[in-house]
Amino acid sequence: RSVMSHQTLPAEEAKPILSTFHAILDVRSQKEWDSGHLPFPSVRHVDSLHLHPEKASALVEELKDQKILVHCGIGKRAQMAASHLISAGFSDVSVVCPGGYSHLV
C-alpha cells in the first residue's frame, strides 16, 4: 500500500498558478486572516487546521477530489494541515513552502 503525501510548491511557483486550484485553504490564525488574505473566491479560512485534524474530515465530502492548495505564514502550519488532509482522504494537495501569505500577495 502506498502512502500518499502532499506536494510542496515554493511561493514563487505557486503565485502564478493560484487560479488553477479549486480551493485555497488559509490555515493562519483569525488575527492573521483579519489583517489580510488572498483575493480569490476559492480562498477559505480554516483556522488552526494544523492543530485540529477533524476539520479536514469536515471538508472531505465537498472537496476530496479537488485540487487543493494550503498556505499559512511561512509553511510549517500548512505542511501539518496538508498531512491531516491526506490522512482524511484528500489526494491532490499542494503546500506553499517555502514562503507563505506575504509571498503570495
PDB file of N, CA and C in Angstrom:
ATOM      1  N   ARG A   1       0.837  -1.181   0.000  1.00  0.00           N
ATOM      2  CA  ARG A   1       0.000   0.000   0.000  1.00  0.00           C
ATOM      3  C   ARG A   1       0.878   1.239   0.000  1.00  0.00           C
ATOM      4  N   SER A   2       0.639   2.143  -0.928  1.00  0.00           N
ATOM      5  CA  SER A   2       1.459   3.344  -0.992  1.00  0.00           C
ATOM      6  C   SER A   2       0.921   4.411  -0.048  1.00  0.00           C
ATOM      7  N   VAL A   3       1.830   5.186   0.481  1.00  0.00           N
ATOM      8  CA  VAL A   3       1.456   6.277   1.370  1.00  0.00           C
ATOM      9  C   VAL A   3       1.437   7.553   0.542  1.00  0.00           C
ATOM     10  N   MET A   4       0.310   8.231   0.557  1.00  0.00           N
ATOM     11  CA  MET A   4       0.196   9.465  -0.212  1.00  0.00           C
ATOM     12  C   MET A   4       0.786  10.611   0.591  1.00  0.00           C
ATOM     13  N   SER A   5       1.296  11.590  -0.131  1.00  0.00           N
ATOM     14  CA  SER A   5       1.805  12.777   0.539  1.00  0.00           C
ATOM     15  C   SER A   5       1.462  13.997  -0.297  1.00  0.00           C
ATOM     16  N   HIS A   6       1.631  15.132   0.301  1.00  0.00           N
ATOM     17  CA  HIS A   6       1.349  16.373  -0.405  1.00  0.00           C
ATOM     18  C   HIS A   6       2.581  16.833  -1.178  1.00  0.00           C
ATOM     19  N   GLN A   7       2.345  17.711  -2.138  1.00  0.00           N
ATOM     20  CA  GLN A   7       3.435  18.323  -2.892  1.00  0.00           C
ATOM     21  C   GLN A   7       3.782  19.655  -2.235  1.00  0.00           C
ATOM     22  N   THR A   8       5.027  20.052  -2.347  1.00  0.00           N
ATOM     23  CA  THR A   8       5.388  21.391  -1.888  1.00  0.00           C
ATOM     24  C   THR A   8       5.682  22.260  -3.102  1.00  0.00           C
ATOM     25  N   LEU A   9       5.235  23.486  -3.034  1.00  0.00           N
ATOM     26  CA  LEU A   9       5.447  24.464  -4.094  1.00  0.00           C
ATOM     27  C   LEU A   9       6.049  25.715  -3.469  1.00  0.00           C
ATOM     28  N   PRO A  10       7.235  26.123  -3.909  1.00  0.00           N
ATOM     29  CA  PRO A  10       7.746  27.408  -3.427  1.00  0.00           C
ATOM     30  C   PRO A  10       6.767  28.517  -3.823  1.00  0.00           C
ATOM     31  N   ALA A  11       6.677  29.552  -3.017  1.00  0.00           N
ATOM     32  CA  ALA A  11       5.713  30.629  -3.257  1.00  0.00           C
ATOM     33  C   ALA A  11       5.847  31.214  -4.654  1.00  0.00           C
ATOM     34  N   GLU A  12       7.065  31.352  -5.152  1.00  0.00           N
ATOM     35  CA  GLU A  12       7.242  31.958  -6.478  1.00  0.00           C
ATOM     36  C   GLU A  12       6.681  31.078  -7.600  1.00  0.00           C
ATOM     37  N   GLU A  13       6.580  29.765  -7.358  1.00  0.00           N
ATOM     38  CA  GLU A  13       5.960  28.869  -8.338  1.00  0.00           C
ATOM     39  C   GLU A  13       4.446  28.817  -8.155  1.00  0.00           C
ATOM     40  N   ALA A  14       3.987  28.941  -6.925  1.00  0.00           N
ATOM     41  CA  ALA A  14       2.545  28.868  -6.643  1.00  0.00           C
ATOM     42  C   ALA A  14       1.812  30.131  -7.086  1.00  0.00           C
ATOM     43  N   LYS A  15       2.431  31.272  -6.904  1.00  0.00           N
ATOM     44  CA  LYS A  15       1.745  32.549  -7.155  1.00  0.00           C
ATOM     45  C   LYS A  15       1.127  32.650  -8.553  1.00  0.00           C
ATOM     46  N   PRO A  16       1.858  32.310  -9.632  1.00  0.00           N
ATOM     47  CA  PRO A  16       1.246  32.468 -10.951  1.00  0.00           C
ATOM     48  C   PRO A  16       0.163  31.440 -11.287  1.00  0.00           C
ATOM     49  N   ILE A  17       0.024  30.398 -10.481  1.00  0.00           N
ATOM     50  CA  ILE A  17      -0.985  29.371 -10.793  1.00  0.00           C
ATOM     51  C   ILE A  17      -2.088  29.284  -9.733  1.00  0.00           C
ATOM     52  N   LEU A  18      -2.216  30.288  -8.893  1.00  0.00           N
ATOM     53  CA  LEU A  18      -3.228  30.258  -7.824  1.00  0.00           C
ATOM     54  C   LEU A  18      -4.634  30.012  -8.363  1.00  0.00           C
ATOM     55  N   SER A  19      -4.938  30.572  -9.501  1.00  0.00           N
ATOM     56  CA  SER A  19      -6.298  30.434 -10.043  1.00  0.00           C
ATOM     57  C   SER A  19      -6.619  29.023 -10.524  1.00  0.00           C
ATOM     58  N   THR A  20      -5.619  28.132 -10.590  1.00  0.00           N
ATOM     59  CA  THR A  20      -5.860  26.763 -11.055  1.00  0.00           C
ATOM     60  C   THR A  20      -6.337  25.834  -9.934  1.00  0.00           C
ATOM     61  N   PHE A  21      -6.326  26.310  -8.704  1.00  0.00           N
ATOM     62  CA  PHE A  21      -6.728  25.474  -7.570  1.00  0.00           C
ATOM     63  C   PHE A  21      -8.216  25.639  -7.294  1.00  0.00           C
ATOM     64  N   HIS A  22      -8.897  24.515  -7.060  1.00  0.00           N
ATOM     65  CA  HIS A  22     -10.327  24.551  -6.745  1.00  0.00           C
ATOM     66  C   HIS A  22     -10.560  25.251  -5.404  1.00  0.00           C
ATOM     67  N   ALA A  23      -9.681  24.984  -4.453  1.00  0.00           N
ATOM     68  CA  ALA A  23      -9.785  25.617  -3.134  1.00  0.00           C
ATOM     69  C   ALA A  23      -8.393  25.966  -2.636  1.00  0.00           C
ATOM     70  N   ILE A  24      -8.293  27.130  -2.047  1.00  0.00           N
ATOM     71  CA  ILE A  24      -7.061  27.567  -1.397  1.00  0.00           C
ATOM     72  C   ILE A  24      -7.399  27.702   0.072  1.00  0.00           C
ATOM     73  N   LEU A  25      -6.771  26.883   0.889  1.00  0.00           N
ATOM     74  CA  LEU A  25      -7.056  26.879   2.322  1.00  0.00           C
ATOM     75  C   LEU A  25      -5.998  27.696   3.055  1.00  0.00           C
ATOM     76  N   ASP A  26      -6.433  28.727   3.715  1.00  0.00           N
ATOM     77  CA  ASP A  26      -5.575  29.604   4.510  1.00  0.00           C
ATOM     78  C   ASP A  26      -5.694  29.127   5.948  1.00  0.00           C
ATOM     79  N   VAL A  27      -4.631  28.575   6.495  1.00  0.00           N
ATOM     80  CA  VAL A  27      -4.685  27.993   7.837  1.00  0.00           C
ATOM     81  C   VAL A  27      -4.040  28.896   8.891  1.00  0.00           C
ATOM     82  N   ARG A  28      -3.899  30.172   8.553  1.00  0.00           N
ATOM     83  CA  ARG A  28      -3.363  31.122   9.528  1.00  0.00           C
ATOM     84  C   ARG A  28      -4.408  31.413  10.608  1.00  0.00           C
ATOM     85  N   SER A  29      -3.989  32.103  11.642  1.00  0.00           N
ATOM     86  CA  SER A  29      -4.896  32.446  12.743  1.00  0.00           C
ATOM     87  C   SER A  29      -5.942  33.455  12.281  1.00  0.00           C
ATOM     88  N   GLN A  30      -6.990  33.602  13.082  1.00  0.00           N
ATOM     89  CA  GLN A  30      -8.037  34.585  12.763  1.00  0.00           C
ATOM     90  C   GLN A  30      -7.436  35.988  12.677  1.00  0.00           C
ATOM     91  N   LYS A  31      -6.531  36.301  13.563  1.00  0.00           N
ATOM     92  CA  LYS A  31      -5.898  37.628  13.568  1.00  0.00           C
ATOM     93  C   LYS A  31      -5.123  37.861  12.264  1.00  0.00           C
ATOM     94  N   GLU A  32      -4.385  36.837  11.823  1.00  0.00           N
ATOM     95  CA  GLU A  32      -3.642  36.952  10.563  1.00  0.00           C
ATOM     96  C   GLU A  32      -4.601  37.117   9.385  1.00  0.00           C
ATOM     97  N   TRP A  33      -5.670  36.322   9.363  1.00  0.00           N
ATOM     98  CA  TRP A  33      -6.677  36.408   8.296  1.00  0.00           C
ATOM     99  C   TRP A  33      -7.297  37.808   8.255  1.00  0.00           C
ATOM    100  N   ASP A  34      -7.648  38.332   9.436  1.00  0.00           N
ATOM    101  CA  ASP A  34      -8.273  39.649   9.518  1.00  0.00           C
ATOM    102  C   ASP A  34      -7.350  40.754   9.012  1.00  0.00           C
ATOM    103  N   SER A  35      -6.043  40.538   9.110  1.00  0.00           N
ATOM    104  CA  SER A  35      -5.102  41.560   8.650  1.00  0.00           C
ATOM    105  C   SER A  35      -4.890  41.515   7.134  1.00  0.00           C
ATOM    106  N   GLY A  36      -5.438  40.509   6.466  1.00  0.00           N
ATOM    107  CA  GLY A  36      -5.354  40.421   5.014  1.00  0.00           C
ATOM    108  C   GLY A  36      -5.337  38.983   4.545  1.00  0.00           C
ATOM    109  N   HIS A  37      -5.939  38.752   3.369  1.00  0.00           N
ATOM    110  CA  HIS A  37      -5.942  37.401   2.793  1.00  0.00           C
ATOM    111  C   HIS A  37      -6.031  37.501   1.277  1.00  0.00           C
ATOM    112  N   LEU A  38      -5.775  36.397   0.614  1.00  0.00           N
ATOM    113  CA  LEU A  38      -5.759  36.377  -0.849  1.00  0.00           C
ATOM    114  C   LEU A  38      -7.138  36.717  -1.406  1.00  0.00           C
ATOM    115  N   PRO A  39      -7.177  37.518  -2.472  1.00  0.00           N
ATOM    116  CA  PRO A  39      -8.450  37.993  -3.020  1.00  0.00           C
ATOM    117  C   PRO A  39      -9.036  37.083  -4.095  1.00  0.00           C
ATOM    118  N   PHE A  40      -9.165  35.811  -3.800  1.00  0.00           N
ATOM    119  CA  PHE A  40      -9.735  34.858  -4.751  1.00  0.00           C
ATOM    120  C   PHE A  40     -11.004  34.272  -4.152  1.00  0.00           C
ATOM    121  N   PRO A  41     -12.031  34.019  -4.969  1.00  0.00           N
ATOM    122  CA  PRO A  41     -13.247  33.410  -4.431  1.00  0.00           C
ATOM    123  C   PRO A  41     -13.026  32.005  -3.882  1.00  0.00           C
ATOM    124  N   SER A  42     -11.962  31.343  -4.318  1.00  0.00           N
ATOM    125  CA  SER A  42     -11.689  29.974  -3.880  1.00  0.00           C
ATOM    126  C   SER A  42     -10.989  29.907  -2.519  1.00  0.00           C
ATOM    127  N   VAL A  43     -10.642  31.064  -1.942  1.00  0.00           N
ATOM    128  CA  VAL A  43      -9.913  31.082  -0.673  1.00  0.00           C
ATOM    129  C   VAL A  43     -10.883  30.863   0.485  1.00  0.00           C
ATOM    130  N   ARG A  44     -10.494  29.937   1.367  1.00  0.00           N
ATOM    131  CA  ARG A  44     -11.275  29.661   2.577  1.00  0.00           C
ATOM    132  C   ARG A  44     -10.357  29.754   3.777  1.00  0.00           C
ATOM    133  N   HIS A  45     -10.886  30.326   4.834  1.00  0.00           N
ATOM    134  CA  HIS A  45     -10.128  30.380   6.083  1.00  0.00           C
ATOM    135  C   HIS A  45     -10.492  29.157   6.913  1.00  0.00           C
ATOM    136  N   VAL A  46      -9.504  28.345   7.226  1.00  0.00           N
ATOM    137  CA  VAL A  46      -9.713  27.168   8.073  1.00  0.00           C
ATOM    138  C   VAL A  46      -8.736  27.305   9.240  1.00  0.00           C
ATOM    139  N   ASP A  47      -9.107  28.154  10.180  1.00  0.00           N
ATOM    140  CA  ASP A  47      -8.262  28.493  11.324  1.00  0.00           C
ATOM    141  C   ASP A  47      -7.815  27.241  12.071  1.00  0.00           C
ATOM    142  N   SER A  48      -6.519  27.139  12.276  1.00  0.00           N
ATOM    143  CA  SER A  48      -5.921  26.080  13.100  1.00  0.00           C
ATOM    144  C   SER A  48      -6.137  24.664  12.583  1.00  0.00           C
ATOM    145  N   LEU A  49      -6.287  24.496  11.266  1.00  0.00           N
ATOM    146  CA  LEU A  49      -6.418  23.145  10.694  1.00  0.00           C
ATOM    147  C   LEU A  49      -5.212  22.288  11.079  1.00  0.00           C
ATOM    148  N   HIS A  50      -4.057  22.909  11.227  1.00  0.00           N
ATOM    149  CA  HIS A  50      -2.851  22.155  11.592  1.00  0.00           C
ATOM    150  C   HIS A  50      -2.957  21.547  12.986  1.00  0.00           C
ATOM    151  N   LEU A  51      -3.815  22.114  13.831  1.00  0.00           N
ATOM    152  CA  LEU A  51      -3.986  21.599  15.193  1.00  0.00           C
ATOM    153  C   LEU A  51      -5.223  20.724  15.355  1.00  0.00           C
ATOM    154  N   HIS A  52      -6.129  20.766  14.372  1.00  0.00           N
ATOM    155  CA  HIS A  52      -7.414  20.079  14.500  1.00  0.00           C
ATOM    156  C   HIS A  52      -7.702  19.209  13.278  1.00  0.00           C
ATOM    157  N   PRO A  53      -7.204  17.961  13.263  1.00  0.00           N
ATOM    158  CA  PRO A  53      -7.407  17.088  12.115  1.00  0.00           C
ATOM    159  C   PRO A  53      -8.880  16.852  11.774  1.00  0.00           C
ATOM    160  N   GLU A  54      -9.774  16.983  12.748  1.00  0.00           N
ATOM    161  CA  GLU A  54     -11.198  16.764  12.479  1.00  0.00           C
ATOM    162  C   GLU A  54     -11.753  17.803  11.497  1.00  0.00           C
ATOM    163  N   LYS A  55     -11.107  18.960  11.414  1.00  0.00           N
ATOM    164  CA  LYS A  55     -11.539  19.968  10.445  1.00  0.00           C
ATOM    165  C   LYS A  55     -11.307  19.471   9.015  1.00  0.00           C
ATOM    166  N   ALA A  56     -10.281  18.654   8.805  1.00  0.00           N
ATOM    167  CA  ALA A  56     -10.022  18.079   7.479  1.00  0.00           C
ATOM    168  C   ALA A  56     -11.148  17.132   7.106  1.00  0.00           C
ATOM    169  N   SER A  57     -11.579  16.326   8.050  1.00  0.00           N
ATOM    170  CA  SER A  57     -12.664  15.380   7.788  1.00  0.00           C
ATOM    171  C   SER A  57     -13.942  16.108   7.390  1.00  0.00           C
ATOM    172  N   ALA A  58     -14.180  17.272   7.977  1.00  0.00           N
ATOM    173  CA  ALA A  58     -15.384  18.038   7.677  1.00  0.00           C
ATOM    174  C   ALA A  58     -15.379  18.568   6.244  1.00  0.00           C
ATOM    175  N   LEU A  59     -14.214  18.675   5.623  1.00  0.00           N
ATOM    176  CA  LEU A  59     -14.107  19.197   4.257  1.00  0.00           C
ATOM    177  C   LEU A  59     -14.161  18.108   3.191  1.00  0.00           C
ATOM    178  N   VAL A  60     -14.065  16.849   3.610  1.00  0.00           N
ATOM    179  CA  VAL A  60     -13.932  15.739   2.661  1.00  0.00           C
ATOM    180  C   VAL A  60     -15.073  15.661   1.653  1.00  0.00           C
ATOM    181  N   GLU A  61     -16.305  15.684   2.120  1.00  0.00           N
ATOM    182  CA  GLU A  61     -17.436  15.481   1.217  1.00  0.00           C
ATOM    183  C   GLU A  61     -17.443  16.501   0.081  1.00  0.00           C
ATOM    184  N   GLU A  62     -17.128  17.739   0.401  1.00  0.00           N
ATOM    185  CA  GLU A  62     -17.180  18.802  -0.595  1.00  0.00           C
ATOM    186  C   GLU A  62     -15.928  18.880  -1.476  1.00  0.00           C
ATOM    187  N   LEU A  63     -14.761  18.633  -0.911  1.00  0.00           N
ATOM    188  CA  LEU A  63     -13.512  18.951  -1.619  1.00  0.00           C
ATOM    189  C   LEU A  63     -12.576  17.782  -1.895  1.00  0.00           C
ATOM    190  N   LYS A  64     -12.922  16.579  -1.485  1.00  0.00           N
ATOM    191  CA  LYS A  64     -11.978  15.452  -1.512  1.00  0.00           C
ATOM    192  C   LYS A  64     -11.252  15.253  -2.848  1.00  0.00           C
ATOM    193  N   ASP A  65     -11.966  15.308  -3.952  1.00  0.00           N
ATOM    194  CA  ASP A  65     -11.345  15.029  -5.248  1.00  0.00           C
ATOM    195  C   ASP A  65     -10.905  16.292  -5.990  1.00  0.00           C
ATOM    196  N   GLN A  66     -10.823  17.384  -5.285  1.00  0.00           N
ATOM    197  CA  GLN A  66     -10.458  18.658  -5.902  1.00  0.00           C
ATOM    198  C   GLN A  66      -8.969  18.963  -5.703  1.00  0.00           C
ATOM    199  N   LYS A  67      -8.481  19.854  -6.523  1.00  0.00           N
ATOM    200  CA  LYS A  67      -7.094  20.332  -6.430  1.00  0.00           C
ATOM    201  C   LYS A  67      -7.037  21.408  -5.342  1.00  0.00           C
ATOM    202  N   ILE A  68      -6.281  21.125  -4.267  1.00  0.00           N
ATOM    203  CA  ILE A  68      -6.253  21.974  -3.076  1.00  0.00           C
ATOM    204  C   ILE A  68      -4.855  22.557  -2.880  1.00  0.00           C
ATOM    205  N   LEU A  69      -4.807  23.834  -2.504  1.00  0.00           N
ATOM    206  CA  LEU A  69      -3.556  24.480  -2.107  1.00  0.00           C
ATOM    207  C   LEU A  69      -3.717  24.939  -0.666  1.00  0.00           C
ATOM    208  N   VAL A  70      -2.719  24.689   0.151  1.00  0.00           N
ATOM    209  CA  VAL A  70      -2.755  25.096   1.559  1.00  0.00           C
ATOM    210  C   VAL A  70      -1.607  26.067   1.802  1.00  0.00           C
ATOM    211  N   HIS A  71      -1.915  27.151   2.508  1.00  0.00           N
ATOM    212  CA  HIS A  71      -0.837  28.086   2.868  1.00  0.00           C
ATOM    213  C   HIS A  71      -1.050  28.629   4.266  1.00  0.00           C
ATOM    214  N   CYS A  72       0.037  29.124   4.829  1.00  0.00           N
ATOM    215  CA  CYS A  72      -0.006  29.778   6.131  1.00  0.00           C
ATOM    216  C   CYS A  72       0.919  30.984   6.049  1.00  0.00           C
ATOM    217  N   GLY A  73       1.620  31.278   7.126  1.00  0.00           N
ATOM    218  CA  GLY A  73       2.527  32.415   7.128  1.00  0.00           C
ATOM    219  C   GLY A  73       3.872  32.104   6.493  1.00  0.00           C
ATOM    220  N   ILE A  74       4.455  30.947   6.841  1.00  0.00           N
ATOM    221  CA  ILE A  74       5.763  30.590   6.267  1.00  0.00           C
ATOM    222  C   ILE A  74       5.847  29.155   5.745  1.00  0.00           C
ATOM    223  N   GLY A  75       4.903  28.303   6.113  1.00  0.00           N
ATOM    224  CA  GLY A  75       4.893  26.948   5.568  1.00  0.00           C
ATOM    225  C   GLY A  75       4.716  25.818   6.557  1.00  0.00           C
ATOM    226  N   LYS A  76       5.126  25.999   7.797  1.00  0.00           N
ATOM    227  CA  LYS A  76       5.086  24.889   8.752  1.00  0.00           C
ATOM    228  C   LYS A  76       3.655  24.452   9.085  1.00  0.00           C
ATOM    229  N   ARG A  77       2.774  25.396   9.397  1.00  0.00           N
ATOM    230  CA  ARG A  77       1.384  25.046   9.721  1.00  0.00           C
ATOM    231  C   ARG A  77       0.692  24.432   8.511  1.00  0.00           C
ATOM    232  N   ALA A  78       1.005  24.961   7.328  1.00  0.00           N
ATOM    233  CA  ALA A  78       0.399  24.435   6.098  1.00  0.00           C
ATOM    234  C   ALA A  78       0.821  22.986   5.865  1.00  0.00           C
ATOM    235  N   GLN A  79       2.079  22.658   6.142  1.00  0.00           N
ATOM    236  CA  GLN A  79       2.534  21.278   5.964  1.00  0.00           C
ATOM    237  C   GLN A  79       1.804  20.337   6.918  1.00  0.00           C
ATOM    238  N   MET A  80       1.630  20.756   8.160  1.00  0.00           N
ATOM    239  CA  MET A  80       0.908  19.916   9.122  1.00  0.00           C
ATOM    240  C   MET A  80      -0.553  19.769   8.700  1.00  0.00           C
ATOM    241  N   ALA A  81      -1.168  20.862   8.249  1.00  0.00           N
ATOM    242  CA  ALA A  81      -2.562  20.814   7.799  1.00  0.00           C
ATOM    243  C   ALA A  81      -2.708  19.886   6.597  1.00  0.00           C
ATOM    244  N   ALA A  82      -1.763  19.961   5.665  1.00  0.00           N
ATOM    245  CA  ALA A  82      -1.816  19.100   4.477  1.00  0.00           C
ATOM    246  C   ALA A  82      -1.724  17.625   4.864  1.00  0.00           C
ATOM    247  N   SER A  83      -0.926  17.313   5.849  1.00  0.00           N
ATOM    248  CA  SER A  83      -0.837  15.926   6.323  1.00  0.00           C
ATOM    249  C   SER A  83      -2.184  15.447   6.846  1.00  0.00           C
ATOM    250  N   HIS A  84      -2.915  16.311   7.551  1.00  0.00           N
ATOM    251  CA  HIS A  84      -4.252  15.958   8.038  1.00  0.00           C
ATOM    252  C   HIS A  84      -5.208  15.743   6.862  1.00  0.00           C
ATOM    253  N   LEU A  85      -5.093  16.571   5.828  1.00  0.00           N
ATOM    254  CA  LEU A  85      -5.962  16.419   4.648  1.00  0.00           C
ATOM    255  C   LEU A  85      -5.698  15.085   3.953  1.00  0.00           C
ATOM    256  N   ILE A  86      -4.431  14.731   3.789  1.00  0.00           N
ATOM    257  CA  ILE A  86      -4.069  13.460   3.157  1.00  0.00           C
ATOM    258  C   ILE A  86      -4.616  12.300   3.994  1.00  0.00           C
ATOM    259  N   SER A  87      -4.464  12.384   5.312  1.00  0.00           N
ATOM    260  CA  SER A  87      -4.972  11.326   6.196  1.00  0.00           C
ATOM    261  C   SER A  87      -6.488  11.197   6.100  1.00  0.00           C
ATOM    262  N   ALA A  88      -7.162  12.318   5.822  1.00  0.00           N
ATOM    263  CA  ALA A  88      -8.629  12.307   5.723  1.00  0.00           C
ATOM    264  C   ALA A  88      -9.112  11.799   4.369  1.00  0.00           C
ATOM    265  N   GLY A  89      -8.185  11.590   3.423  1.00  0.00           N
ATOM    266  CA  GLY A  89      -8.575  11.027   2.141  1.00  0.00           C
ATOM    267  C   GLY A  89      -8.385  11.926   0.935  1.00  0.00           C
ATOM    268  N   PHE A  90      -7.853  13.118   1.141  1.00  0.00           N
ATOM    269  CA  PHE A  90      -7.581  14.005   0.012  1.00  0.00           C
ATOM    270  C   PHE A  90      -6.403  13.457  -0.785  1.00  0.00           C
ATOM    271  N   SER A  91      -6.415  13.667  -2.098  1.00  0.00           N
ATOM    272  CA  SER A  91      -5.331  13.112  -2.917  1.00  0.00           C
ATOM    273  C   SER A  91      -4.532  14.155  -3.676  1.00  0.00           C
ATOM    274  N   ASP A  92      -5.071  15.348  -3.895  1.00  0.00           N
ATOM    275  CA  ASP A  92      -4.375  16.360  -4.690  1.00  0.00           C
ATOM    276  C   ASP A  92      -4.166  17.613  -3.854  1.00  0.00           C
ATOM    277  N   VAL A  93      -3.161  17.546  -2.972  1.00  0.00           N
ATOM    278  CA  VAL A  93      -2.898  18.625  -2.029  1.00  0.00           C
ATOM    279  C   VAL A  93      -1.495  19.168  -2.255  1.00  0.00           C
ATOM    280  N   SER A  94      -1.407  20.481  -2.409  1.00  0.00           N
ATOM    281  CA  SER A  94      -0.122  21.160  -2.531  1.00  0.00           C
ATOM    282  C   SER A  94       0.006  22.167  -1.396  1.00  0.00           C
ATOM    283  N   VAL A  95       1.245  22.384  -0.966  1.00  0.00           N
ATOM    284  CA  VAL A  95       1.535  23.302   0.133  1.00  0.00           C
ATOM    285  C   VAL A  95       2.505  24.360  -0.353  1.00  0.00           C
ATOM    286  N   VAL A  96       2.226  25.608  -0.004  1.00  0.00           N
ATOM    287  CA  VAL A  96       3.171  26.677  -0.302  1.00  0.00           C
ATOM    288  C   VAL A  96       4.273  26.611   0.751  1.00  0.00           C
ATOM    289  N   CYS A  97       5.464  26.217   0.316  1.00  0.00           N
ATOM    290  CA  CYS A  97       6.610  26.083   1.203  1.00  0.00           C
ATOM    291  C   CYS A  97       7.861  25.901   0.356  1.00  0.00           C
ATOM    292  N   PRO A  98       8.877  26.690   0.486  1.00  0.00           N
ATOM    293  CA  PRO A  98       8.973  27.817   1.426  1.00  0.00           C
ATOM    294  C   PRO A  98       8.143  28.999   0.930  1.00  0.00           C
ATOM    295  N   GLY A  99       7.843  29.835   1.900  1.00  0.00           N
ATOM    296  CA  GLY A  99       7.043  31.027   1.618  1.00  0.00           C
ATOM    297  C   GLY A  99       5.692  30.891   2.260  1.00  0.00           C
ATOM    298  N   GLY A 100       4.896  31.896   2.118  1.00  0.00           N
ATOM    299  CA  GLY A 100       3.557  31.897   2.694  1.00  0.00           C
ATOM    300  C   GLY A 100       2.801  33.088   2.191  1.00  0.00           C
ATOM    301  N   TYR A 101       1.849  33.515   2.987  1.00  0.00           N
ATOM    302  CA  TYR A 101       0.938  34.568   2.551  1.00  0.00           C
ATOM    303  C   TYR A 101       1.661  35.789   1.997  1.00  0.00           C
ATOM    304  N   SER A 102       2.653  36.297   2.721  1.00  0.00           N
ATOM    305  CA  SER A 102       3.313  37.539   2.280  1.00  0.00           C
ATOM    306  C   SER A 102       4.019  37.386   0.948  1.00  0.00           C
ATOM    307  N   HIS A 103       4.352  36.162   0.550  1.00  0.00           N
ATOM    308  CA  HIS A 103       4.999  35.917  -0.734  1.00  0.00           C
ATOM    309  C   HIS A 103       3.997  35.665  -1.850  1.00  0.00           C
ATOM    310  N   LEU A 104       2.711  35.527  -1.502  1.00  0.00           N
ATOM    311  CA  LEU A 104       1.676  35.242  -2.499  1.00  0.00           C
ATOM    312  C   LEU A 104       0.893  36.479  -2.922  1.00  0.00           C
ATOM    313  N   VAL A 105       0.932  37.527  -2.110  1.00  0.00           N
ATOM    314  CA  VAL A 105       0.168  38.732  -2.448  1.00  0.00           C
ATOM    315  C   VAL A 105       0.961  39.662  -3.342  1.00  0.00           C
TER     316      VAL A 105
END
